[in-house]
Structure formats: structure tokens, C-alpha cells
N, C-alpha and C. Protein backbone atom coordinates (compact mmCIF):
# COMPACT_ATOMS: atom_id res chain seq x y z
N UNK A 1 -8.08 4.31 -9.12
CA UNK A 1 -6.92 4.51 -9.00
C UNK A 1 -6.36 5.61 -9.81
N UNK A 2 -5.74 6.98 -9.26
CA UNK A 2 -5.52 7.84 -10.11
C UNK A 2 -4.16 7.86 -10.64
N UNK A 3 -3.91 7.55 -12.05
CA UNK A 3 -2.74 7.22 -12.16
C UNK A 3 -2.34 8.70 -13.12
N UNK A 4 -1.11 8.72 -12.02
CA UNK A 4 -0.34 10.21 -12.63
C UNK A 4 0.69 10.11 -13.84
N UNK A 5 1.04 10.97 -13.96
CA UNK A 5 1.75 10.88 -15.67
C UNK A 5 3.13 10.30 -15.35
N UNK A 6 3.90 9.49 -16.10
CA UNK A 6 4.78 9.05 -16.13
C UNK A 6 6.29 9.90 -15.59
N UNK A 7 6.01 10.99 -16.26
CA UNK A 7 7.50 11.83 -15.97
C UNK A 7 7.25 12.17 -14.69
N UNK A 8 6.22 12.47 -13.87
CA UNK A 8 5.83 12.44 -12.43
C UNK A 8 6.45 11.37 -11.23
N UNK A 9 5.96 10.23 -12.03
CA UNK A 9 6.32 8.91 -11.30
C UNK A 9 7.56 8.57 -11.02
N UNK A 10 8.41 9.36 -12.02
CA UNK A 10 10.24 9.11 -11.50
C UNK A 10 10.63 9.67 -10.44
N UNK A 11 9.62 10.62 -9.91
CA UNK A 11 10.07 11.31 -8.22
C UNK A 11 9.90 10.45 -7.20
N UNK A 12 9.21 9.50 -7.45
CA UNK A 12 8.98 8.39 -6.67
C UNK A 12 9.32 7.30 -6.41
N UNK A 13 9.31 6.15 -7.85
CA UNK A 13 9.65 5.13 -7.88
C UNK A 13 10.71 4.62 -7.51
N UNK A 14 12.36 5.57 -7.48
CA UNK A 14 13.13 4.86 -6.51
C UNK A 14 12.89 4.56 -5.31
N UNK A 15 12.16 5.71 -4.47
CA UNK A 15 11.94 5.21 -3.52
C UNK A 15 11.70 4.38 -3.04
N UNK A 16 10.16 3.91 -4.03
CA UNK A 16 9.37 3.24 -3.29
C UNK A 16 9.94 1.58 -3.48
N UNK A 17 10.87 1.41 -4.61
CA UNK A 17 11.69 0.58 -4.80
C UNK A 17 12.82 -0.17 -4.02
N UNK A 18 13.06 1.00 -3.56
CA UNK A 18 14.20 0.73 -2.40
C UNK A 18 13.61 0.27 -1.22
N UNK A 19 12.16 1.03 -0.81
CA UNK A 19 11.65 0.53 -0.05
C UNK A 19 10.52 -0.84 -0.06
N UNK A 20 10.70 -1.21 -0.92
CA UNK A 20 10.16 -2.60 -1.41
C UNK A 20 10.89 -3.70 -1.07
N UNK A 21 12.26 -3.71 -1.67
CA UNK A 21 13.26 -4.05 -1.59
C UNK A 21 13.81 -4.55 -0.37
N UNK A 22 13.76 -3.39 0.51
CA UNK A 22 13.81 -3.85 1.78
C UNK A 22 12.63 -4.74 2.87
N UNK A 23 11.12 -4.54 2.40
CA UNK A 23 10.47 -5.10 2.69
C UNK A 23 10.18 -6.74 2.62
N UNK A 24 10.68 -7.06 1.20
CA UNK A 24 10.76 -8.19 1.12
C UNK A 24 11.77 -8.67 1.31
N UNK A 25 13.08 -8.38 2.03
CA UNK A 25 14.40 -8.95 2.55
C UNK A 25 13.86 -8.95 3.91
N UNK A 26 12.49 -8.48 4.82
CA UNK A 26 12.33 -8.60 5.67
C UNK A 26 11.25 -10.09 5.60
N UNK A 27 10.77 -10.07 5.01
CA UNK A 27 9.74 -11.24 4.74
C UNK A 27 10.80 -12.46 4.49
N UNK A 28 11.68 -12.66 3.78
CA UNK A 28 12.74 -13.62 3.54
C UNK A 28 13.42 -14.11 4.37
N UNK A 29 13.65 -12.77 5.41
CA UNK A 29 14.57 -13.37 6.41
C UNK A 29 13.99 -13.61 7.94
N UNK A 30 12.40 -13.04 7.81
CA UNK A 30 11.52 -12.96 9.01
C UNK A 30 10.29 -13.94 8.45
N UNK A 31 9.66 -13.79 7.56
CA UNK A 31 8.52 -14.13 7.39
C UNK A 31 7.29 -13.21 7.46
N UNK A 32 6.08 -13.99 6.77
CA UNK A 32 4.67 -13.09 6.70
C UNK A 32 4.48 -12.04 8.08
N UNK A 33 4.36 -12.47 9.22
CA UNK A 33 4.29 -12.25 10.73
C UNK A 33 4.72 -10.76 10.87
N UNK A 34 6.34 -10.91 10.57
CA UNK A 34 7.18 -9.93 10.98
C UNK A 34 7.02 -8.62 9.91
N UNK A 35 6.84 -9.08 8.31
CA UNK A 35 6.53 -8.20 7.69
C UNK A 35 5.27 -7.35 7.73
N UNK A 36 4.00 -8.05 8.39
CA UNK A 36 3.07 -7.39 8.50
C UNK A 36 3.56 -6.15 9.55
N UNK A 37 3.88 -6.55 10.76
CA UNK A 37 4.28 -5.10 11.56
C UNK A 37 4.95 -4.14 10.68
N UNK A 38 6.06 -4.55 10.02
CA UNK A 38 6.76 -3.51 9.59
C UNK A 38 6.26 -2.60 8.53
N UNK A 39 5.36 -3.68 7.67
CA UNK A 39 4.70 -2.71 6.74
C UNK A 39 3.48 -1.77 7.10
N UNK A 40 3.11 -2.25 8.22
CA UNK A 40 1.83 -1.64 8.78
C UNK A 40 2.68 0.01 9.22
N UNK A 41 3.86 -0.09 10.36
CA UNK A 41 4.48 0.83 10.79
C UNK A 41 5.17 1.66 9.36
N UNK A 42 5.75 1.28 8.17
CA UNK A 42 5.80 2.01 7.07
C UNK A 42 4.75 3.01 6.52
N UNK A 43 3.58 2.41 6.21
CA UNK A 43 2.42 3.19 5.46
C UNK A 43 2.13 3.86 7.08
N UNK A 44 2.21 3.75 7.79
CA UNK A 44 1.51 4.65 9.41
C UNK A 44 2.64 5.61 9.56
N UNK A 45 3.69 5.59 9.14
CA UNK A 45 4.46 6.41 9.04
C UNK A 45 4.54 7.32 7.99
N UNK A 46 4.35 7.02 7.24
CA UNK A 46 4.29 7.72 5.71
C UNK A 46 2.92 8.69 6.06
N UNK A 47 2.08 8.02 6.40
CA UNK A 47 0.48 8.35 6.80
C UNK A 47 0.85 9.71 7.51
N UNK A 48 1.24 9.53 8.84
CA UNK A 48 1.21 10.50 9.84
C UNK A 48 2.46 11.34 9.20
N UNK A 49 3.24 11.34 8.56
CA UNK A 49 4.17 12.69 7.91
C UNK A 49 3.20 13.47 7.19
N UNK A 50 2.54 12.69 6.27
CA UNK A 50 1.84 13.62 5.42
C UNK A 50 0.52 14.26 6.27
N UNK A 51 -0.11 14.16 7.26
CA UNK A 51 -1.00 14.45 8.19
C UNK A 51 -0.56 16.07 8.93
N UNK A 52 1.01 16.19 8.76
CA UNK A 52 1.46 17.09 9.48
C UNK A 52 2.60 18.08 7.89
N UNK A 53 2.50 19.58 9.08
CA UNK A 53 2.97 20.57 7.75
C UNK A 53 4.67 20.43 7.70
N UNK A 54 5.46 21.15 7.48
CA UNK A 54 6.67 21.38 7.48
C UNK A 54 7.09 21.49 9.06
N UNK A 55 6.32 22.13 9.95
CA UNK A 55 6.54 22.63 11.19
C UNK A 55 6.13 21.52 12.10
N UNK A 56 5.22 20.05 11.53
CA UNK A 56 4.85 19.33 12.44
C UNK A 56 3.70 19.29 13.00
N UNK A 57 2.85 20.64 12.89
CA UNK A 57 1.78 20.91 13.05
C UNK A 57 0.27 19.86 12.15
N UNK A 58 -0.14 19.47 12.68
CA UNK A 58 -1.70 18.42 12.11
C UNK A 58 -1.86 19.44 10.52
N UNK A 59 -2.53 18.77 9.61
CA UNK A 59 -2.98 19.80 8.67
C UNK A 59 -4.28 20.01 8.56
N UNK A 60 -5.22 19.44 9.58
CA UNK A 60 -6.46 19.69 9.45
C UNK A 60 -7.52 18.67 8.78
N UNK A 61 -8.12 18.64 9.40
CA UNK A 61 -9.44 17.57 9.03
C UNK A 61 -9.43 16.78 7.61
N UNK A 62 -9.40 18.05 6.58
CA UNK A 62 -9.95 17.93 4.85
C UNK A 62 -8.25 16.77 4.40
N UNK A 63 -7.13 17.76 4.92
CA UNK A 63 -5.90 17.09 4.78
C UNK A 63 -5.83 15.50 4.97
N UNK A 64 -6.24 15.25 6.49
CA UNK A 64 -6.12 13.97 6.89
C UNK A 64 -6.71 13.06 6.32
N UNK A 65 -8.02 13.61 5.89
CA UNK A 65 -9.48 12.53 5.00
C UNK A 65 -8.90 12.31 3.88
N UNK A 66 -8.24 13.50 3.26
CA UNK A 66 -7.15 12.86 2.03
C UNK A 66 -6.23 12.15 2.12
N UNK A 67 -5.68 11.92 3.15
CA UNK A 67 -4.86 10.81 3.08
C UNK A 67 -5.44 9.70 3.35
N UNK A 68 -6.29 9.15 4.17
CA UNK A 68 -7.02 8.40 4.64
C UNK A 68 -8.02 8.05 3.15
N UNK A 69 -8.41 8.49 2.83
CA UNK A 69 -8.96 8.48 1.54
C UNK A 69 -7.75 7.92 0.57
N UNK A 70 -6.80 8.27 0.21
CA UNK A 70 -5.92 7.90 -0.81
C UNK A 70 -5.50 6.11 -0.24
N UNK A 71 -5.06 6.08 1.26
CA UNK A 71 -5.44 4.81 1.63
C UNK A 71 -6.19 3.97 1.36
N UNK A 72 -7.37 3.99 1.68
CA UNK A 72 -8.55 3.20 1.29
C UNK A 72 -8.87 2.86 0.21
N UNK A 73 -8.51 3.87 -1.06
CA UNK A 73 -8.66 3.64 -2.48
C UNK A 73 -7.47 2.66 -3.06
N UNK A 74 -6.48 3.19 -2.32
CA UNK A 74 -5.00 1.98 -2.41
C UNK A 74 -5.30 0.67 -2.42
N UNK A 75 -5.87 0.46 -1.25
CA UNK A 75 -6.76 -0.94 -0.41
C UNK A 75 -7.42 -1.34 -1.86
N UNK A 76 -8.46 -0.78 -1.93
CA UNK A 76 -9.51 -1.11 -2.80
C UNK A 76 -8.96 -1.84 -4.44
N UNK A 77 -7.89 -1.01 -4.65
CA UNK A 77 -7.34 -1.30 -5.90
C UNK A 77 -6.49 -2.40 -5.82
N UNK A 78 -5.58 -3.05 -4.49
CA UNK A 78 -4.87 -3.86 -4.52
C UNK A 78 -5.90 -5.10 -4.84
N UNK A 79 -7.03 -5.33 -3.93
CA UNK A 79 -8.33 -5.92 -3.64
C UNK A 79 -8.94 -6.24 -5.69
N UNK A 80 -8.82 -4.97 -6.40
CA UNK A 80 -9.21 -5.13 -7.68
C UNK A 80 -8.10 -5.58 -8.59
N UNK A 81 -6.79 -5.47 -8.80
CA UNK A 81 -5.84 -5.80 -9.28
C UNK A 81 -5.45 -6.99 -8.75
N UNK A 82 -5.08 -7.06 -7.66
CA UNK A 82 -4.31 -8.50 -7.30
C UNK A 82 -4.87 -9.17 -6.68
N UNK A 83 -5.79 -9.33 -5.83
CA UNK A 83 -6.68 -10.40 -5.42
C UNK A 83 -7.55 -10.86 -5.93
N UNK A 84 -8.06 -9.85 -6.77
CA UNK A 84 -9.22 -11.07 -7.78
C UNK A 84 -8.24 -11.68 -8.42
N UNK A 85 -7.24 -11.30 -9.35
CA UNK A 85 -6.81 -12.29 -9.67
C UNK A 85 -6.34 -13.70 -9.40
N UNK A 86 -5.82 -13.35 -7.98
CA UNK A 86 -5.63 -14.37 -7.21
C UNK A 86 -6.81 -15.35 -6.97
N UNK A 87 -7.66 -14.65 -6.79
CA UNK A 87 -8.56 -15.71 -6.36
C UNK A 87 -9.50 -16.26 -7.78
N UNK A 88 -9.03 -16.06 -8.99
CA UNK A 88 -9.61 -16.96 -10.15
C UNK A 88 -8.72 -17.76 -10.17
N UNK A 89 -7.69 -17.72 -10.19
CA UNK A 89 -6.43 -18.85 -10.45
C UNK A 89 -6.80 -19.64 -9.32
N UNK A 90 -7.23 -19.35 -8.16
CA UNK A 90 -7.44 -20.47 -6.97
C UNK A 90 -9.25 -20.98 -7.20
N UNK A 91 -9.92 -20.37 -7.74
CA UNK A 91 -11.37 -20.91 -8.22
C UNK A 91 -11.02 -22.13 -9.34
N UNK A 92 -10.28 -21.79 -10.86
CA UNK A 92 -10.05 -22.82 -11.37
C UNK A 92 -8.95 -23.96 -10.86
N UNK A 93 -7.86 -23.50 -9.54
CA UNK A 93 -7.40 -25.11 -9.50
C UNK A 93 -8.31 -25.64 -8.26
N UNK A 94 -9.14 -25.03 -7.59
CA UNK A 94 -9.83 -25.73 -6.37
C UNK A 94 -11.29 -25.77 -6.84
N UNK A 95 -11.37 -25.57 -7.97
CA UNK A 95 -13.08 -25.31 -8.12
C UNK A 95 -13.89 -24.77 -7.68
N UNK A 96 -15.02 -23.88 -7.99
CA UNK A 96 -15.70 -22.67 -7.45
C UNK A 96 -16.51 -23.46 -6.01
N UNK A 97 -16.96 -22.60 -5.03
CA UNK A 97 -17.88 -23.31 -4.43
C UNK A 97 -19.06 -23.26 -4.77
N UNK A 98 -19.64 -24.09 -4.53
CA UNK A 98 -21.49 -24.68 -4.93
C UNK A 98 -22.22 -24.06 -3.82
N UNK A 99 -23.55 -24.10 -4.22
CA UNK A 99 -24.10 -23.69 -3.37
C UNK A 99 -25.54 -24.62 -3.49
């Protein structure tokens, strides 16, 4: 995961927190099924915007591949840092699968 300097995070964090708050409210009001669709929409829309320049023209293969790569790496980081910890807790709670 490419960690950016803290002074550069500031320009994104407020917007991310506002978006997350809105999505958490969606989860509370409508459940994970609706959240899944709205989160998918949000991620797709952001990626689609980033795949175009200021005029709306596609940015080309390399730029689109960069966006896709960043999304893929973010998925891997969630698995590594969030899902793996969750799985470790569940193994302790329910015992590991035996062979």
C-alpha cells in the first residue's frame, strides 16, 4: 500500500470521512445488501471519473490501467489488514479447520 505523506492526506480525508459517514448511514438504514450496491456505485463512479481527462475524453490505456491497479492493490490491502485479522479472531473463537 503506497502510504502518502500526512500533509497530502489532509486534502482527501475530510471528503473520505463524509462519504464513509453517508455509506454507514445507508448500511444502518437499509442493510448490507443496499450498501453493496451503493458502495459499488461510488467506487465505480470515482474510477470512471479518474479514467477521463477534464474534457471527458478517456485518458488512455496506461492511465486506465493505473486506476485499475490502484483498485486491485486497495483490495489486497483490505484482505491483508482487515480480513486477515477478522479471520484470526474467528479461528480462535471457533477453532481452526482440521485436516
